[in-house]
N, C-alpha and C. Protein backbone atom coordinates (compact mmCIF):
# COMPACT_ATOMS: atom_id res chain seq x y z
N MET A 1 136.59 85.85 41.27
CA MET A 1 136.75 87.07 42.06
C MET A 1 138.14 87.11 42.67
N THR A 2 138.79 88.24 42.60
CA THR A 2 140.13 88.39 43.14
C THR A 2 140.11 88.34 44.65
N ALA A 3 141.02 87.57 45.23
CA ALA A 3 141.10 87.49 46.69
C ALA A 3 141.53 88.83 47.26
N ILE A 4 140.92 89.22 48.37
CA ILE A 4 141.22 90.49 49.00
C ILE A 4 141.90 90.23 50.33
N ASP A 5 143.07 90.83 50.50
CA ASP A 5 143.86 90.61 51.71
C ASP A 5 143.42 91.57 52.80
N TYR A 6 143.02 91.00 53.98
CA TYR A 6 142.59 91.83 55.11
C TYR A 6 143.64 91.89 56.20
N SER A 7 144.83 91.41 55.96
CA SER A 7 145.86 91.46 56.98
C SER A 7 146.30 92.89 57.21
N PRO A 8 146.76 93.23 58.45
CA PRO A 8 147.16 94.59 58.76
C PRO A 8 148.23 95.11 57.80
N GLY A 9 148.00 96.28 57.26
CA GLY A 9 148.99 96.90 56.39
C GLY A 9 148.98 96.37 54.98
N ALA A 10 148.01 95.53 54.65
CA ALA A 10 147.96 94.97 53.31
C ALA A 10 147.67 96.06 52.30
N PRO A 11 148.38 96.09 51.18
CA PRO A 11 148.15 97.15 50.19
C PRO A 11 146.84 96.96 49.46
N VAL A 12 146.27 98.07 49.00
CA VAL A 12 145.04 98.04 48.20
C VAL A 12 145.39 98.43 46.78
N ASP A 13 145.06 97.60 45.84
CA ASP A 13 145.38 97.86 44.44
C ASP A 13 144.46 98.94 43.91
N SER A 14 145.00 100.12 43.68
CA SER A 14 144.19 101.24 43.23
C SER A 14 143.71 101.07 41.79
N GLU A 15 144.41 100.24 40.99
CA GLU A 15 144.03 100.04 39.61
C GLU A 15 142.86 99.07 39.48
N GLU A 16 142.74 98.14 40.43
CA GLU A 16 141.65 97.18 40.40
C GLU A 16 140.85 97.33 41.69
N ARG A 17 140.11 98.41 41.77
CA ARG A 17 139.31 98.70 42.95
C ARG A 17 138.20 97.66 43.08
N PRO A 18 138.17 96.93 44.20
CA PRO A 18 137.15 95.89 44.37
C PRO A 18 135.76 96.51 44.50
N THR A 19 134.76 95.80 44.05
CA THR A 19 133.39 96.28 44.18
C THR A 19 132.93 96.12 45.63
N GLY A 20 131.82 96.79 45.95
CA GLY A 20 131.28 96.66 47.29
C GLY A 20 130.89 95.24 47.62
N SER A 21 130.32 94.55 46.65
CA SER A 21 129.91 93.16 46.87
C SER A 21 131.12 92.28 47.16
N GLU A 22 132.23 92.52 46.46
CA GLU A 22 133.45 91.73 46.70
C GLU A 22 133.99 91.98 48.10
N LEU A 23 133.93 93.22 48.56
CA LEU A 23 134.40 93.53 49.91
C LEU A 23 133.55 92.84 50.96
N VAL A 24 132.26 92.84 50.75
CA VAL A 24 131.35 92.20 51.70
C VAL A 24 131.60 90.70 51.75
N VAL A 25 131.71 90.08 50.58
CA VAL A 25 131.96 88.64 50.53
C VAL A 25 133.29 88.31 51.19
N ALA A 26 134.31 89.13 50.94
CA ALA A 26 135.64 88.88 51.50
C ALA A 26 135.62 88.95 53.02
N VAL A 27 134.98 89.97 53.56
CA VAL A 27 134.98 90.12 55.02
C VAL A 27 134.14 89.03 55.68
N LEU A 28 133.05 88.63 55.04
CA LEU A 28 132.24 87.54 55.58
C LEU A 28 132.98 86.22 55.54
N THR A 29 133.77 86.02 54.48
CA THR A 29 134.53 84.78 54.34
C THR A 29 135.67 84.69 55.35
N GLN A 30 136.36 85.81 55.54
CA GLN A 30 137.57 85.80 56.35
C GLN A 30 137.33 86.08 57.84
N ARG A 31 136.25 86.76 58.15
CA ARG A 31 136.05 87.15 59.55
C ARG A 31 134.68 86.76 60.09
N TRP A 32 134.06 85.76 59.53
CA TRP A 32 132.70 85.43 59.91
C TRP A 32 132.57 85.05 61.38
N ARG A 33 133.59 84.41 61.95
CA ARG A 33 133.52 84.02 63.36
C ARG A 33 133.43 85.23 64.27
N TRP A 34 134.31 86.22 64.01
CA TRP A 34 134.30 87.44 64.83
C TRP A 34 133.02 88.22 64.62
N LEU A 35 132.56 88.30 63.40
CA LEU A 35 131.34 89.04 63.10
C LEU A 35 130.12 88.38 63.74
N LEU A 36 130.07 87.05 63.69
CA LEU A 36 128.96 86.32 64.30
C LEU A 36 128.95 86.53 65.81
N ALA A 37 130.14 86.45 66.42
CA ALA A 37 130.22 86.65 67.87
C ALA A 37 129.77 88.05 68.26
N ALA A 38 130.22 89.06 67.50
CA ALA A 38 129.85 90.44 67.79
C ALA A 38 128.35 90.64 67.60
N GLU A 39 127.79 90.06 66.54
CA GLU A 39 126.36 90.20 66.26
C GLU A 39 125.54 89.58 67.38
N LEU A 40 125.96 88.43 67.87
CA LEU A 40 125.24 87.76 68.96
C LEU A 40 125.30 88.58 70.24
N VAL A 41 126.47 89.15 70.53
CA VAL A 41 126.63 89.94 71.76
C VAL A 41 125.75 91.19 71.73
N PHE A 42 125.80 91.92 70.60
CA PHE A 42 125.04 93.16 70.52
C PHE A 42 123.54 92.91 70.48
N THR A 43 123.13 91.85 69.79
CA THR A 43 121.71 91.52 69.77
C THR A 43 121.24 91.06 71.14
N ALA A 44 122.06 90.27 71.82
CA ALA A 44 121.71 89.81 73.16
C ALA A 44 121.54 91.00 74.11
N GLY A 45 122.37 92.03 73.94
CA GLY A 45 122.24 93.22 74.77
C GLY A 45 120.88 93.86 74.62
N LEU A 46 120.39 93.96 73.40
CA LEU A 46 119.08 94.55 73.14
C LEU A 46 117.96 93.66 73.67
N VAL A 47 118.13 92.35 73.53
CA VAL A 47 117.13 91.41 74.03
C VAL A 47 117.03 91.49 75.55
N LEU A 48 118.17 91.53 76.21
CA LEU A 48 118.19 91.59 77.67
C LEU A 48 117.64 92.91 78.19
N ARG A 49 117.70 93.95 77.37
CA ARG A 49 117.14 95.24 77.77
C ARG A 49 115.62 95.27 77.61
N GLY A 50 115.06 94.22 77.03
CA GLY A 50 113.62 94.12 76.95
C GLY A 50 113.01 94.36 75.58
N ALA A 51 113.81 94.21 74.52
CA ALA A 51 113.25 94.36 73.18
C ALA A 51 112.15 93.33 72.96
N PRO A 52 111.00 93.74 72.41
CA PRO A 52 109.91 92.78 72.16
C PRO A 52 110.36 91.66 71.24
N VAL A 53 109.81 90.48 71.46
CA VAL A 53 110.18 89.30 70.66
C VAL A 53 109.95 89.56 69.18
N GLU A 54 108.85 90.23 68.84
CA GLU A 54 108.54 90.49 67.44
C GLU A 54 109.58 91.38 66.76
N LEU A 55 110.33 92.13 67.56
CA LEU A 55 111.33 93.04 67.01
C LEU A 55 112.70 92.38 66.84
N TRP A 56 112.87 91.19 67.40
CA TRP A 56 114.18 90.52 67.35
C TRP A 56 114.71 90.30 65.94
N PRO A 57 113.91 89.81 64.99
CA PRO A 57 114.46 89.59 63.64
C PRO A 57 115.03 90.86 63.01
N ALA A 58 114.32 91.98 63.15
CA ALA A 58 114.79 93.24 62.57
C ALA A 58 116.07 93.70 63.25
N LEU A 59 116.12 93.61 64.58
CA LEU A 59 117.31 94.03 65.31
C LEU A 59 118.50 93.14 64.98
N ALA A 60 118.26 91.83 64.87
CA ALA A 60 119.34 90.89 64.55
C ALA A 60 119.90 91.19 63.17
N TYR A 61 119.01 91.46 62.21
CA TYR A 61 119.49 91.75 60.85
C TYR A 61 120.28 93.05 60.80
N VAL A 62 119.75 94.12 61.41
CA VAL A 62 120.46 95.40 61.38
C VAL A 62 121.81 95.27 62.07
N ASN A 63 121.87 94.53 63.17
CA ASN A 63 123.15 94.31 63.85
C ASN A 63 124.13 93.57 62.95
N ALA A 64 123.66 92.53 62.27
CA ALA A 64 124.53 91.76 61.39
C ALA A 64 125.05 92.61 60.25
N ALA A 65 124.17 93.41 59.65
CA ALA A 65 124.59 94.29 58.56
C ALA A 65 125.61 95.30 59.05
N CYS A 66 125.37 95.85 60.24
CA CYS A 66 126.29 96.88 60.78
C CYS A 66 127.65 96.29 61.13
N MET A 67 127.68 95.08 61.66
CA MET A 67 128.97 94.46 61.98
C MET A 67 129.81 94.29 60.71
N THR A 68 129.17 93.85 59.65
CA THR A 68 129.89 93.66 58.38
C THR A 68 130.33 95.00 57.81
N LEU A 69 129.45 96.00 57.85
CA LEU A 69 129.79 97.32 57.34
C LEU A 69 130.94 97.93 58.13
N ALA A 70 130.94 97.74 59.43
CA ALA A 70 132.02 98.29 60.27
C ALA A 70 133.36 97.68 59.89
N ALA A 71 133.37 96.37 59.66
CA ALA A 71 134.62 95.70 59.29
C ALA A 71 135.14 96.21 57.95
N VAL A 72 134.25 96.40 56.98
CA VAL A 72 134.67 96.90 55.67
C VAL A 72 135.13 98.35 55.78
N ASP A 73 134.41 99.16 56.56
CA ASP A 73 134.74 100.58 56.69
C ASP A 73 136.10 100.76 57.36
N LEU A 74 136.37 100.00 58.39
CA LEU A 74 137.65 100.13 59.10
C LEU A 74 138.83 99.77 58.20
N ARG A 75 138.63 98.81 57.29
CA ARG A 75 139.72 98.36 56.43
C ARG A 75 139.85 99.19 55.16
N HIS A 76 138.71 99.54 54.55
CA HIS A 76 138.75 100.17 53.23
C HIS A 76 138.10 101.56 53.18
N HIS A 77 137.56 102.02 54.30
CA HIS A 77 136.89 103.32 54.32
C HIS A 77 135.76 103.38 53.28
N ARG A 78 135.03 102.30 53.20
CA ARG A 78 133.89 102.23 52.29
C ARG A 78 132.71 101.57 52.99
N LEU A 79 131.52 102.02 52.64
CA LEU A 79 130.28 101.44 53.15
C LEU A 79 129.46 101.01 51.93
N PRO A 80 129.62 99.77 51.50
CA PRO A 80 129.01 99.30 50.25
C PRO A 80 127.49 99.46 50.19
N ASP A 81 127.02 99.92 49.04
CA ASP A 81 125.57 100.08 48.82
C ASP A 81 124.82 98.77 48.98
N VAL A 82 125.48 97.67 48.67
CA VAL A 82 124.80 96.38 48.74
C VAL A 82 124.29 96.10 50.15
N LEU A 83 124.94 96.68 51.17
CA LEU A 83 124.50 96.46 52.54
C LEU A 83 123.83 97.68 53.16
N THR A 84 124.04 98.87 52.62
CA THR A 84 123.34 100.05 53.14
C THR A 84 121.99 100.17 52.46
N LEU A 85 122.00 100.53 51.19
CA LEU A 85 120.75 100.64 50.44
C LEU A 85 120.02 99.29 50.37
N GLY A 86 120.79 98.22 50.21
CA GLY A 86 120.18 96.90 50.10
C GLY A 86 119.47 96.45 51.36
N SER A 87 119.82 97.05 52.50
CA SER A 87 119.20 96.65 53.77
C SER A 87 117.88 97.37 54.03
N TYR A 88 117.62 98.46 53.32
CA TYR A 88 116.38 99.20 53.57
C TYR A 88 115.13 98.33 53.40
N PRO A 89 114.95 97.67 52.24
CA PRO A 89 113.74 96.86 52.09
C PRO A 89 113.70 95.67 53.05
N VAL A 90 114.86 95.09 53.35
CA VAL A 90 114.89 93.95 54.27
C VAL A 90 114.44 94.39 55.66
N ALA A 91 115.01 95.51 56.15
CA ALA A 91 114.63 96.01 57.47
C ALA A 91 113.16 96.41 57.50
N ALA A 92 112.70 97.02 56.42
CA ALA A 92 111.29 97.44 56.36
C ALA A 92 110.36 96.24 56.44
N VAL A 93 110.69 95.17 55.73
CA VAL A 93 109.86 93.95 55.76
C VAL A 93 109.89 93.31 57.15
N LEU A 94 111.08 93.25 57.76
CA LEU A 94 111.19 92.65 59.09
C LEU A 94 110.46 93.47 60.15
N LEU A 95 110.42 94.78 59.97
CA LEU A 95 109.69 95.63 60.92
C LEU A 95 108.18 95.49 60.76
N LEU A 96 107.74 94.91 59.64
CA LEU A 96 106.32 94.64 59.48
C LEU A 96 105.83 93.57 60.46
N ILE A 97 106.76 92.72 60.94
CA ILE A 97 106.37 91.67 61.88
C ILE A 97 105.80 92.27 63.17
N PRO A 98 106.55 93.16 63.87
CA PRO A 98 105.94 93.77 65.05
C PRO A 98 104.81 94.73 64.71
N ALA A 99 104.85 95.33 63.52
CA ALA A 99 103.77 96.25 63.13
C ALA A 99 102.44 95.50 63.03
N ILE A 100 102.47 94.30 62.43
CA ILE A 100 101.26 93.50 62.28
C ILE A 100 100.86 92.87 63.62
N ALA A 101 101.87 92.36 64.34
CA ALA A 101 101.59 91.65 65.59
C ALA A 101 100.99 92.57 66.65
N ASP A 102 101.49 93.80 66.74
CA ASP A 102 101.06 94.72 67.79
C ASP A 102 100.29 95.92 67.26
N ASP A 103 99.90 95.86 65.98
CA ASP A 103 99.15 96.95 65.37
C ASP A 103 99.89 98.29 65.53
N GLN A 104 101.17 98.28 65.14
CA GLN A 104 102.00 99.47 65.26
C GLN A 104 102.42 99.99 63.88
N PHE A 105 101.45 100.16 63.03
CA PHE A 105 101.75 100.63 61.68
C PHE A 105 102.25 102.07 61.68
N GLN A 106 101.85 102.84 62.69
CA GLN A 106 102.35 104.21 62.79
C GLN A 106 103.85 104.21 63.03
N ALA A 107 104.33 103.29 63.87
CA ALA A 107 105.76 103.18 64.13
C ALA A 107 106.49 102.73 62.87
N TRP A 108 105.86 101.83 62.10
CA TRP A 108 106.48 101.35 60.86
C TRP A 108 106.62 102.47 59.84
N ILE A 109 105.57 103.27 59.69
CA ILE A 109 105.62 104.41 58.77
C ILE A 109 106.68 105.41 59.22
N ARG A 110 106.75 105.65 60.53
CA ARG A 110 107.75 106.57 61.07
C ARG A 110 109.17 106.08 60.78
N ALA A 111 109.39 104.77 60.90
CA ALA A 111 110.71 104.21 60.63
C ALA A 111 111.09 104.39 59.16
N CYS A 112 110.15 104.19 58.26
CA CYS A 112 110.43 104.33 56.82
C CYS A 112 110.69 105.79 56.45
N VAL A 113 109.87 106.68 57.00
CA VAL A 113 110.06 108.12 56.72
C VAL A 113 111.40 108.59 57.28
N ALA A 114 111.73 108.13 58.49
CA ALA A 114 112.99 108.53 59.11
C ALA A 114 114.19 108.05 58.32
N CYS A 115 114.08 106.88 57.71
CA CYS A 115 115.15 106.35 56.88
C CYS A 115 115.48 107.31 55.75
N LEU A 116 114.45 107.72 55.02
CA LEU A 116 114.65 108.63 53.89
C LEU A 116 115.12 110.00 54.37
N ALA A 117 114.55 110.49 55.47
CA ALA A 117 114.91 111.81 55.98
C ALA A 117 116.37 111.84 56.44
N ALA A 118 116.82 110.79 57.10
CA ALA A 118 118.20 110.74 57.59
C ALA A 118 119.20 110.76 56.44
N VAL A 119 118.88 110.04 55.37
CA VAL A 119 119.77 110.03 54.21
C VAL A 119 119.88 111.43 53.61
N LEU A 120 118.75 112.08 53.43
CA LEU A 120 118.73 113.41 52.81
C LEU A 120 119.44 114.44 53.68
N ILE A 121 119.18 114.41 54.97
CA ILE A 121 119.76 115.41 55.88
C ILE A 121 121.27 115.25 55.96
N LEU A 122 121.75 114.02 56.16
CA LEU A 122 123.20 113.84 56.28
C LEU A 122 123.90 114.04 54.94
N ALA A 123 123.20 113.77 53.85
CA ALA A 123 123.78 114.02 52.53
C ALA A 123 123.98 115.52 52.32
N VAL A 124 123.01 116.32 52.77
CA VAL A 124 123.11 117.77 52.64
C VAL A 124 124.18 118.34 53.57
N LEU A 125 124.22 117.81 54.81
CA LEU A 125 125.19 118.32 55.79
C LEU A 125 126.56 117.69 55.64
N GLY A 126 126.65 116.65 54.80
CA GLY A 126 127.90 115.92 54.68
C GLY A 126 129.08 116.79 54.30
N GLY A 127 128.86 117.75 53.39
CA GLY A 127 129.95 118.62 52.98
C GLY A 127 130.48 119.46 54.11
N VAL A 128 129.58 119.86 55.01
CA VAL A 128 129.99 120.69 56.15
C VAL A 128 130.63 119.85 57.25
N LEU A 129 130.01 118.71 57.54
CA LEU A 129 130.47 117.87 58.64
C LEU A 129 131.59 116.91 58.23
N GLY A 130 131.81 116.77 56.93
CA GLY A 130 132.88 115.89 56.47
C GLY A 130 132.47 114.44 56.27
N TYR A 131 131.18 114.18 56.09
CA TYR A 131 130.72 112.82 55.89
C TYR A 131 130.44 112.56 54.41
N GLY A 132 130.61 111.31 54.00
CA GLY A 132 130.41 110.94 52.61
C GLY A 132 129.04 110.36 52.36
N GLY A 133 128.80 109.99 51.10
CA GLY A 133 127.52 109.41 50.74
C GLY A 133 127.25 108.10 51.44
N GLY A 134 128.29 107.30 51.66
CA GLY A 134 128.11 106.03 52.36
C GLY A 134 127.64 106.22 53.78
N ASP A 135 128.17 107.26 54.45
CA ASP A 135 127.74 107.56 55.82
C ASP A 135 126.28 107.97 55.85
N ALA A 136 125.85 108.76 54.85
CA ALA A 136 124.45 109.18 54.78
C ALA A 136 123.53 107.98 54.59
N LYS A 137 123.93 107.04 53.72
CA LYS A 137 123.12 105.85 53.49
C LYS A 137 123.08 104.97 54.75
N LEU A 138 124.20 104.92 55.48
CA LEU A 138 124.22 104.17 56.74
C LEU A 138 123.27 104.79 57.75
N ALA A 139 123.23 106.12 57.79
CA ALA A 139 122.33 106.81 58.72
C ALA A 139 120.89 106.42 58.46
N GLY A 140 120.54 106.22 57.19
CA GLY A 140 119.18 105.80 56.87
C GLY A 140 118.84 104.45 57.48
N LEU A 141 119.79 103.52 57.43
CA LEU A 141 119.57 102.20 58.01
C LEU A 141 119.45 102.30 59.53
N LEU A 142 120.34 103.07 60.15
CA LEU A 142 120.31 103.21 61.60
C LEU A 142 119.04 103.90 62.09
N ALA A 143 118.51 104.77 61.26
CA ALA A 143 117.32 105.53 61.67
C ALA A 143 116.09 104.63 61.83
N MET A 144 116.05 103.51 61.15
CA MET A 144 114.84 102.69 61.16
C MET A 144 114.53 102.09 62.53
N PRO A 145 115.45 101.36 63.17
CA PRO A 145 115.12 100.84 64.51
C PRO A 145 115.02 101.95 65.55
N LEU A 146 115.75 103.05 65.35
CA LEU A 146 115.66 104.17 66.29
C LEU A 146 114.29 104.83 66.21
N ALA A 147 113.86 105.14 65.00
CA ALA A 147 112.58 105.82 64.82
C ALA A 147 111.41 104.92 65.20
N TRP A 148 111.62 103.62 65.18
CA TRP A 148 110.55 102.72 65.63
C TRP A 148 110.15 103.07 67.06
N GLN A 149 111.12 103.49 67.87
CA GLN A 149 110.84 103.88 69.25
C GLN A 149 110.14 105.23 69.30
N SER A 150 110.74 106.24 68.68
CA SER A 150 110.13 107.58 68.63
C SER A 150 111.02 108.49 67.81
N TRP A 151 110.49 109.65 67.42
CA TRP A 151 111.31 110.64 66.71
C TRP A 151 112.43 111.15 67.60
N GLY A 152 112.15 111.31 68.89
CA GLY A 152 113.19 111.79 69.81
C GLY A 152 114.35 110.83 69.91
N VAL A 153 114.05 109.54 70.00
CA VAL A 153 115.11 108.53 70.06
C VAL A 153 115.91 108.54 68.77
N CYS A 154 115.24 108.69 67.64
CA CYS A 154 115.93 108.71 66.35
C CYS A 154 116.91 109.88 66.27
N LEU A 155 116.44 111.07 66.59
CA LEU A 155 117.31 112.25 66.52
C LEU A 155 118.48 112.14 67.49
N THR A 156 118.18 111.67 68.71
CA THR A 156 119.24 111.52 69.71
C THR A 156 120.27 110.49 69.27
N GLY A 157 119.80 109.37 68.75
CA GLY A 157 120.71 108.32 68.32
C GLY A 157 121.61 108.73 67.18
N LEU A 158 121.04 109.43 66.19
CA LEU A 158 121.85 109.85 65.05
C LEU A 158 122.85 110.92 65.44
N TRP A 159 122.43 111.88 66.24
CA TRP A 159 123.37 112.94 66.64
C TRP A 159 124.43 112.41 67.60
N THR A 160 124.07 111.44 68.44
CA THR A 160 125.08 110.81 69.28
C THR A 160 126.10 110.08 68.42
N GLY A 161 125.63 109.43 67.37
CA GLY A 161 126.55 108.77 66.46
C GLY A 161 127.47 109.75 65.76
N VAL A 162 126.92 110.88 65.30
CA VAL A 162 127.75 111.91 64.67
C VAL A 162 128.80 112.42 65.65
N LEU A 163 128.39 112.63 66.89
CA LEU A 163 129.33 113.11 67.91
C LEU A 163 130.44 112.11 68.16
N MET A 164 130.09 110.83 68.29
CA MET A 164 131.10 109.80 68.55
C MET A 164 132.04 109.63 67.36
N ALA A 165 131.51 109.72 66.15
CA ALA A 165 132.36 109.62 64.96
C ALA A 165 133.31 110.81 64.89
N SER A 166 132.80 112.01 65.21
CA SER A 166 133.64 113.20 65.19
C SER A 166 134.74 113.13 66.24
N LEU A 167 134.38 112.66 67.43
CA LEU A 167 135.37 112.55 68.50
C LEU A 167 136.46 111.54 68.15
N SER A 168 136.06 110.45 67.49
CA SER A 168 137.07 109.46 67.08
C SER A 168 138.01 110.05 66.04
N GLY A 169 137.46 110.88 65.13
CA GLY A 169 138.31 111.55 64.15
C GLY A 169 139.28 112.52 64.80
N VAL A 170 138.79 113.26 65.78
CA VAL A 170 139.65 114.21 66.51
C VAL A 170 140.75 113.46 67.25
N ALA A 171 140.39 112.33 67.87
CA ALA A 171 141.38 111.54 68.60
C ALA A 171 142.48 111.01 67.67
N LEU A 172 142.07 110.55 66.49
CA LEU A 172 143.06 110.06 65.53
C LEU A 172 143.97 111.18 65.05
N PHE A 173 143.39 112.37 64.88
CA PHE A 173 144.18 113.52 64.43
C PHE A 173 145.14 113.97 65.53
N MET A 174 144.66 114.01 66.76
CA MET A 174 145.50 114.46 67.87
C MET A 174 146.65 113.50 68.13
N THR A 175 146.43 112.21 67.89
CA THR A 175 147.49 111.22 68.09
C THR A 175 148.34 111.04 66.82
N ARG A 176 148.07 111.90 65.81
CA ARG A 176 148.83 111.92 64.56
C ARG A 176 148.74 110.62 63.77
N ARG A 177 147.63 109.93 63.94
CA ARG A 177 147.43 108.72 63.14
C ARG A 177 146.83 109.06 61.79
N ILE A 178 146.21 110.24 61.71
CA ILE A 178 145.71 110.75 60.43
C ILE A 178 146.04 112.23 60.34
N SER A 179 146.05 112.75 59.12
CA SER A 179 146.24 114.19 58.92
C SER A 179 144.90 114.80 58.52
N ARG A 180 144.88 116.09 58.31
CA ARG A 180 143.64 116.77 57.96
C ARG A 180 143.08 116.29 56.62
N ARG A 181 143.97 115.82 55.76
CA ARG A 181 143.53 115.39 54.43
C ARG A 181 143.17 113.92 54.36
N ASP A 182 143.46 113.18 55.41
CA ASP A 182 143.19 111.74 55.40
C ASP A 182 141.73 111.45 55.69
N ARG A 183 141.26 110.37 55.12
CA ARG A 183 139.92 109.87 55.42
C ARG A 183 139.99 108.94 56.62
N PHE A 184 138.90 108.86 57.35
CA PHE A 184 138.84 107.89 58.44
C PHE A 184 137.46 107.25 58.45
N ALA A 185 137.36 106.11 59.10
CA ALA A 185 136.10 105.37 59.12
C ALA A 185 135.14 105.98 60.13
N ALA A 186 134.13 106.71 59.64
CA ALA A 186 133.14 107.31 60.52
C ALA A 186 132.01 106.35 60.85
N GLY A 187 131.85 105.31 60.02
CA GLY A 187 130.75 104.38 60.20
C GLY A 187 130.65 103.75 61.59
N PRO A 188 131.74 103.19 62.12
CA PRO A 188 131.66 102.57 63.45
C PRO A 188 131.21 103.54 64.54
N GLY A 189 131.62 104.80 64.46
CA GLY A 189 131.17 105.78 65.44
C GLY A 189 129.68 106.05 65.33
N LEU A 190 129.19 106.17 64.09
CA LEU A 190 127.76 106.36 63.88
C LEU A 190 126.96 105.19 64.44
N MET A 191 127.47 103.98 64.19
CA MET A 191 126.78 102.78 64.68
C MET A 191 126.80 102.71 66.20
N ALA A 192 127.94 103.03 66.81
CA ALA A 192 128.07 102.94 68.27
C ALA A 192 127.11 103.90 68.96
N GLY A 193 127.03 105.12 68.47
CA GLY A 193 126.12 106.09 69.07
C GLY A 193 124.67 105.67 68.96
N ALA A 194 124.29 105.17 67.78
CA ALA A 194 122.92 104.72 67.57
C ALA A 194 122.59 103.53 68.47
N TYR A 195 123.52 102.61 68.60
CA TYR A 195 123.29 101.42 69.42
C TYR A 195 123.11 101.78 70.89
N LEU A 196 123.96 102.66 71.40
CA LEU A 196 123.87 103.03 72.82
C LEU A 196 122.55 103.71 73.13
N VAL A 197 122.10 104.60 72.25
CA VAL A 197 120.83 105.29 72.48
C VAL A 197 119.66 104.30 72.39
N LEU A 198 119.71 103.39 71.41
CA LEU A 198 118.66 102.39 71.29
C LEU A 198 118.62 101.49 72.52
N LEU A 199 119.80 101.15 73.02
CA LEU A 199 119.89 100.30 74.22
C LEU A 199 119.23 100.98 75.41
N MET A 200 119.46 102.27 75.56
CA MET A 200 118.87 103.01 76.68
C MET A 200 117.37 103.25 76.50
N ALA A 201 116.92 103.27 75.23
CA ALA A 201 115.52 103.59 74.97
C ALA A 201 114.59 102.40 75.16
N LEU A 202 115.14 101.19 75.12
CA LEU A 202 114.30 100.00 75.23
C LEU A 202 113.77 99.83 76.67
């Protein structure tokens, strides 16, 4: 596998576009300390807010996946399917732990339905709002722990994420760091909004 340079300003070879799996492996190899620290901090925040013990594995996994996706998105403006789509079954299985322990199968079904609904809705609205397919797939992952709480929390979390991503894009445009034709990483904004709402909902 070709080594991928993550240093600031490093060029990206357009002729040999790395696969999503290569980007994930590269960021985990080169930045695992920072990603681990961030994952522990964000998961600890949810635990301290009172997240049930049975929910910890699912929250820890989604946080870990999101930290890696954020790092890749900020550098390459990509959200690899291996961590977006690939996380759906993992999150669904981990959410079965609290579903079985506390007899919350209704919450589990809601989380799975919300995952699919979020992908479809943001995929349809993506052309209008300026979001890509990767952002829609990320929304599906974020919808699962949000919808576990309630439909209201899910909708609030996703729309807060859209708002934060849009505001970050406006800020970059106003400071002339990007132009109207440039792409920017919307993923971190989507994740931040979802996390804040989930934190308040616990």
